[in-house]
Amino acid sequence: MSQPIHTYIELSGVKLEVIGTYYPGEDASMDSPGEEESIEIISVLTAKGDDIGAMVAWFEDVQEHVEQAAMEAFKEGRIWQATEAAIARREMAREAA
């Protein structure tokens, strides 16, 4: 199931906001060879709000770097959210006891 991405990355000292969609991929099966996880970038915004996604897409190596950085930031954000949720559940259980 795809998930929306809205994360921040830094590319050569420039902070960028990346908006897109994360696709977790699929394991191989009898009917399908499977798919690797991937992301689809919709927008790459500068601090001023300018969308430089088309310029990023023009340079394949920059596009790959932005995709990789966005995927890493997205995964780190999911880990952080899961950790925060676990801490909150423990605190609520402690308060309820």
N, C-alpha and C. Protein backbone atom coordinates (compact mmCIF):
# COMPACT_ATOMS: atom_id res chain seq x y z
N MET A 1 0.85 -1.18 0.00
CA MET A 1 0.00 0.00 0.00
C MET A 1 0.90 1.24 0.00
N SER A 2 0.63 2.14 -0.90
CA SER A 2 1.43 3.36 -0.99
C SER A 2 1.12 4.30 0.18
N GLN A 3 2.11 5.14 0.48
CA GLN A 3 1.97 6.11 1.57
C GLN A 3 2.47 7.46 1.09
N PRO A 4 1.81 8.54 1.48
CA PRO A 4 2.29 9.87 1.08
C PRO A 4 3.59 10.21 1.79
N ILE A 5 4.45 10.93 1.09
CA ILE A 5 5.71 11.41 1.67
C ILE A 5 5.64 12.93 1.71
N HIS A 6 6.04 13.49 2.83
CA HIS A 6 6.23 14.93 2.97
C HIS A 6 7.39 15.06 3.95
N THR A 7 8.59 15.21 3.41
CA THR A 7 9.78 15.19 4.24
C THR A 7 10.77 16.25 3.80
N TYR A 8 11.79 16.43 4.58
CA TYR A 8 12.82 17.44 4.30
C TYR A 8 14.16 16.76 4.14
N ILE A 9 14.94 17.23 3.16
CA ILE A 9 16.28 16.70 2.94
C ILE A 9 17.24 17.88 2.75
N GLU A 10 18.52 17.56 2.74
CA GLU A 10 19.52 18.57 2.45
C GLU A 10 20.36 18.06 1.29
N LEU A 11 20.53 18.87 0.26
CA LEU A 11 21.28 18.50 -0.92
C LEU A 11 22.34 19.56 -1.17
N SER A 12 23.59 19.19 -0.97
CA SER A 12 24.71 20.13 -1.15
C SER A 12 24.52 21.40 -0.33
N GLY A 13 24.05 21.25 0.89
CA GLY A 13 23.86 22.39 1.78
C GLY A 13 22.56 23.13 1.59
N VAL A 14 21.74 22.72 0.64
CA VAL A 14 20.46 23.38 0.38
C VAL A 14 19.34 22.52 0.96
N LYS A 15 18.53 23.13 1.82
CA LYS A 15 17.41 22.40 2.42
C LYS A 15 16.23 22.40 1.45
N LEU A 16 15.70 21.20 1.23
CA LEU A 16 14.59 21.03 0.29
C LEU A 16 13.45 20.28 0.95
N GLU A 17 12.26 20.58 0.51
CA GLU A 17 11.05 19.88 0.96
C GLU A 17 10.62 18.97 -0.18
N VAL A 18 10.45 17.69 0.13
CA VAL A 18 10.09 16.72 -0.90
C VAL A 18 8.69 16.18 -0.62
N ILE A 19 7.85 16.22 -1.64
CA ILE A 19 6.49 15.71 -1.55
C ILE A 19 6.33 14.64 -2.61
N GLY A 20 5.78 13.50 -2.21
CA GLY A 20 5.61 12.42 -3.18
C GLY A 20 4.87 11.25 -2.57
N THR A 21 5.14 10.07 -3.12
CA THR A 21 4.48 8.84 -2.69
C THR A 21 5.51 7.74 -2.53
N TYR A 22 5.40 6.99 -1.43
CA TYR A 22 6.29 5.85 -1.15
C TYR A 22 5.56 4.57 -1.50
N TYR A 23 6.25 3.70 -2.24
CA TYR A 23 5.72 2.38 -2.59
C TYR A 23 6.60 1.33 -1.94
N PRO A 24 6.08 0.54 -1.00
CA PRO A 24 6.92 -0.40 -0.25
C PRO A 24 7.45 -1.57 -1.06
N GLY A 25 6.94 -1.82 -2.23
CA GLY A 25 7.40 -2.96 -3.03
C GLY A 25 6.64 -4.22 -2.66
N GLU A 26 6.93 -5.27 -3.40
CA GLU A 26 6.23 -6.54 -3.17
C GLU A 26 7.22 -7.68 -3.29
N ASP A 27 7.00 -8.73 -2.52
CA ASP A 27 7.81 -9.93 -2.62
C ASP A 27 7.44 -10.67 -3.90
N ALA A 28 8.38 -11.46 -4.39
CA ALA A 28 8.11 -12.27 -5.57
C ALA A 28 7.06 -13.33 -5.22
N SER A 29 6.25 -13.67 -6.20
CA SER A 29 5.23 -14.70 -6.01
C SER A 29 5.17 -15.56 -7.28
N MET A 30 4.26 -16.50 -7.31
CA MET A 30 4.11 -17.35 -8.48
C MET A 30 3.69 -16.54 -9.71
N ASP A 31 2.92 -15.45 -9.49
CA ASP A 31 2.39 -14.65 -10.61
C ASP A 31 3.24 -13.44 -10.95
N SER A 32 4.13 -13.05 -10.03
CA SER A 32 4.84 -11.78 -10.20
C SER A 32 6.29 -11.91 -9.76
N PRO A 33 7.19 -11.24 -10.47
CA PRO A 33 8.59 -11.27 -10.06
C PRO A 33 8.87 -10.39 -8.83
N GLY A 34 7.88 -9.63 -8.40
CA GLY A 34 8.04 -8.74 -7.26
C GLY A 34 8.53 -7.37 -7.71
N GLU A 35 8.57 -6.45 -6.77
CA GLU A 35 9.01 -5.09 -7.05
C GLU A 35 9.81 -4.58 -5.87
N GLU A 36 10.82 -3.77 -6.16
CA GLU A 36 11.59 -3.13 -5.09
C GLU A 36 10.83 -1.91 -4.59
N GLU A 37 11.13 -1.50 -3.36
CA GLU A 37 10.51 -0.29 -2.85
C GLU A 37 10.97 0.89 -3.69
N SER A 38 10.11 1.89 -3.80
CA SER A 38 10.46 3.06 -4.60
C SER A 38 9.65 4.25 -4.12
N ILE A 39 10.02 5.41 -4.64
CA ILE A 39 9.22 6.60 -4.37
C ILE A 39 8.98 7.33 -5.68
N GLU A 40 7.88 8.04 -5.70
CA GLU A 40 7.54 8.91 -6.83
C GLU A 40 7.53 10.33 -6.27
N ILE A 41 8.37 11.18 -6.83
CA ILE A 41 8.45 12.55 -6.35
C ILE A 41 7.48 13.42 -7.15
N ILE A 42 6.65 14.15 -6.42
CA ILE A 42 5.68 15.05 -7.05
C ILE A 42 6.25 16.46 -7.11
N SER A 43 6.85 16.92 -5.99
CA SER A 43 7.41 18.26 -5.92
C SER A 43 8.69 18.27 -5.10
N VAL A 44 9.61 19.13 -5.49
CA VAL A 44 10.81 19.40 -4.71
C VAL A 44 10.82 20.92 -4.53
N LEU A 45 10.60 21.35 -3.29
CA LEU A 45 10.44 22.78 -3.02
C LEU A 45 11.66 23.35 -2.30
N THR A 46 12.02 24.58 -2.68
CA THR A 46 13.08 25.30 -1.99
C THR A 46 12.49 25.96 -0.75
N ALA A 47 13.35 26.59 0.05
CA ALA A 47 12.89 27.28 1.26
C ALA A 47 11.90 28.40 0.92
N LYS A 48 12.04 28.99 -0.28
CA LYS A 48 11.13 30.06 -0.70
C LYS A 48 9.83 29.52 -1.29
N GLY A 49 9.74 28.19 -1.45
CA GLY A 49 8.52 27.59 -1.98
C GLY A 49 8.54 27.35 -3.48
N ASP A 50 9.69 27.61 -4.12
CA ASP A 50 9.79 27.37 -5.55
C ASP A 50 9.90 25.87 -5.81
N ASP A 51 9.13 25.36 -6.78
CA ASP A 51 9.17 23.94 -7.13
C ASP A 51 10.27 23.73 -8.18
N ILE A 52 11.33 23.03 -7.77
CA ILE A 52 12.43 22.75 -8.69
C ILE A 52 12.43 21.29 -9.11
N GLY A 53 11.30 20.62 -8.98
CA GLY A 53 11.18 19.21 -9.33
C GLY A 53 11.54 18.92 -10.77
N ALA A 54 11.12 19.78 -11.71
CA ALA A 54 11.44 19.57 -13.12
C ALA A 54 12.93 19.69 -13.36
N MET A 55 13.58 20.64 -12.69
CA MET A 55 15.03 20.81 -12.84
C MET A 55 15.77 19.60 -12.27
N VAL A 56 15.31 19.12 -11.12
CA VAL A 56 15.92 17.95 -10.49
C VAL A 56 15.78 16.74 -11.41
N ALA A 57 14.61 16.56 -12.01
CA ALA A 57 14.36 15.42 -12.89
C ALA A 57 15.23 15.46 -14.15
N TRP A 58 15.65 16.64 -14.54
CA TRP A 58 16.47 16.80 -15.74
C TRP A 58 17.82 16.11 -15.59
N PHE A 59 18.35 16.10 -14.38
CA PHE A 59 19.65 15.50 -14.11
C PHE A 59 19.44 14.17 -13.38
N GLU A 60 19.67 13.07 -14.07
CA GLU A 60 19.35 11.74 -13.54
C GLU A 60 20.07 11.45 -12.23
N ASP A 61 21.36 11.83 -12.12
CA ASP A 61 22.08 11.54 -10.88
C ASP A 61 21.54 12.37 -9.71
N VAL A 62 21.11 13.60 -9.97
CA VAL A 62 20.51 14.42 -8.91
C VAL A 62 19.16 13.84 -8.51
N GLN A 63 18.39 13.40 -9.50
CA GLN A 63 17.09 12.78 -9.23
C GLN A 63 17.27 11.56 -8.33
N GLU A 64 18.23 10.69 -8.67
CA GLU A 64 18.48 9.50 -7.86
C GLU A 64 18.91 9.86 -6.44
N HIS A 65 19.74 10.89 -6.31
CA HIS A 65 20.19 11.31 -4.98
C HIS A 65 19.01 11.85 -4.16
N VAL A 66 18.16 12.64 -4.78
CA VAL A 66 16.99 13.19 -4.07
C VAL A 66 16.06 12.05 -3.66
N GLU A 67 15.83 11.09 -4.56
CA GLU A 67 14.97 9.96 -4.23
C GLU A 67 15.53 9.15 -3.06
N GLN A 68 16.84 8.89 -3.09
CA GLN A 68 17.46 8.12 -2.02
C GLN A 68 17.40 8.87 -0.69
N ALA A 69 17.70 10.16 -0.71
CA ALA A 69 17.66 10.96 0.51
C ALA A 69 16.24 11.06 1.05
N ALA A 70 15.27 11.21 0.17
CA ALA A 70 13.87 11.30 0.60
C ALA A 70 13.40 9.98 1.20
N MET A 71 13.82 8.86 0.60
CA MET A 71 13.42 7.55 1.12
C MET A 71 14.03 7.34 2.51
N GLU A 72 15.31 7.70 2.67
CA GLU A 72 15.95 7.56 3.99
C GLU A 72 15.27 8.44 5.02
N ALA A 73 14.97 9.68 4.66
CA ALA A 73 14.30 10.59 5.60
C ALA A 73 12.91 10.07 5.95
N PHE A 74 12.21 9.52 4.96
CA PHE A 74 10.88 8.97 5.20
C PHE A 74 10.95 7.80 6.16
N LYS A 75 11.91 6.90 5.94
CA LYS A 75 12.05 5.73 6.82
C LYS A 75 12.44 6.15 8.23
N GLU A 76 13.35 7.11 8.35
CA GLU A 76 13.73 7.61 9.68
C GLU A 76 12.54 8.21 10.39
N GLY A 77 11.70 8.93 9.64
CA GLY A 77 10.50 9.52 10.22
C GLY A 77 9.53 8.47 10.71
N ARG A 78 9.39 7.38 9.96
CA ARG A 78 8.50 6.29 10.39
C ARG A 78 9.04 5.63 11.65
N ILE A 79 10.35 5.43 11.73
CA ILE A 79 10.95 4.83 12.92
C ILE A 79 10.73 5.75 14.11
N TRP A 80 10.94 7.04 13.92
CA TRP A 80 10.76 8.02 15.00
C TRP A 80 9.31 8.02 15.46
N GLN A 81 8.36 7.99 14.53
CA GLN A 81 6.94 7.98 14.89
C GLN A 81 6.58 6.72 15.68
N ALA A 82 7.11 5.58 15.25
CA ALA A 82 6.82 4.32 15.96
C ALA A 82 7.40 4.36 17.37
N THR A 83 8.60 4.92 17.50
CA THR A 83 9.23 5.03 18.82
C THR A 83 8.42 5.96 19.72
N GLU A 84 8.02 7.09 19.19
CA GLU A 84 7.22 8.04 19.97
C GLU A 84 5.89 7.41 20.40
N ALA A 85 5.27 6.65 19.51
CA ALA A 85 4.00 6.00 19.85
C ALA A 85 4.20 4.97 20.96
N ALA A 86 5.29 4.22 20.90
CA ALA A 86 5.57 3.22 21.94
C ALA A 86 5.80 3.89 23.29
N ILE A 87 6.52 4.99 23.29
CA ILE A 87 6.77 5.74 24.53
C ILE A 87 5.45 6.26 25.09
N ALA A 88 4.61 6.81 24.22
CA ALA A 88 3.32 7.35 24.67
C ALA A 88 2.45 6.24 25.26
N ARG A 89 2.44 5.06 24.64
CA ARG A 89 1.63 3.95 25.17
C ARG A 89 2.14 3.54 26.55
N ARG A 90 3.46 3.46 26.73
CA ARG A 90 4.02 3.11 28.03
C ARG A 90 3.66 4.13 29.09
N GLU A 91 3.74 5.42 28.73
CA GLU A 91 3.40 6.47 29.69
C GLU A 91 1.92 6.42 30.07
N MET A 92 1.07 6.17 29.09
CA MET A 92 -0.37 6.08 29.37
C MET A 92 -0.66 4.86 30.27
N ALA A 93 0.02 3.76 30.02
CA ALA A 93 -0.17 2.54 30.85
C ALA A 93 0.30 2.81 32.27
N ARG A 94 1.43 3.53 32.40
CA ARG A 94 1.94 3.87 33.72
C ARG A 94 0.97 4.75 34.49
N GLU A 95 0.42 5.74 33.79
CA GLU A 95 -0.53 6.67 34.43
C GLU A 95 -1.82 5.95 34.82
N ALA A 96 -2.22 4.98 34.02
CA ALA A 96 -3.47 4.25 34.30
C ALA A 96 -3.31 3.29 35.47
N ALA A 97 -2.06 2.86 35.74
CA ALA A 97 -1.83 1.89 36.82
C ALA A 97 -1.86 2.52 38.17
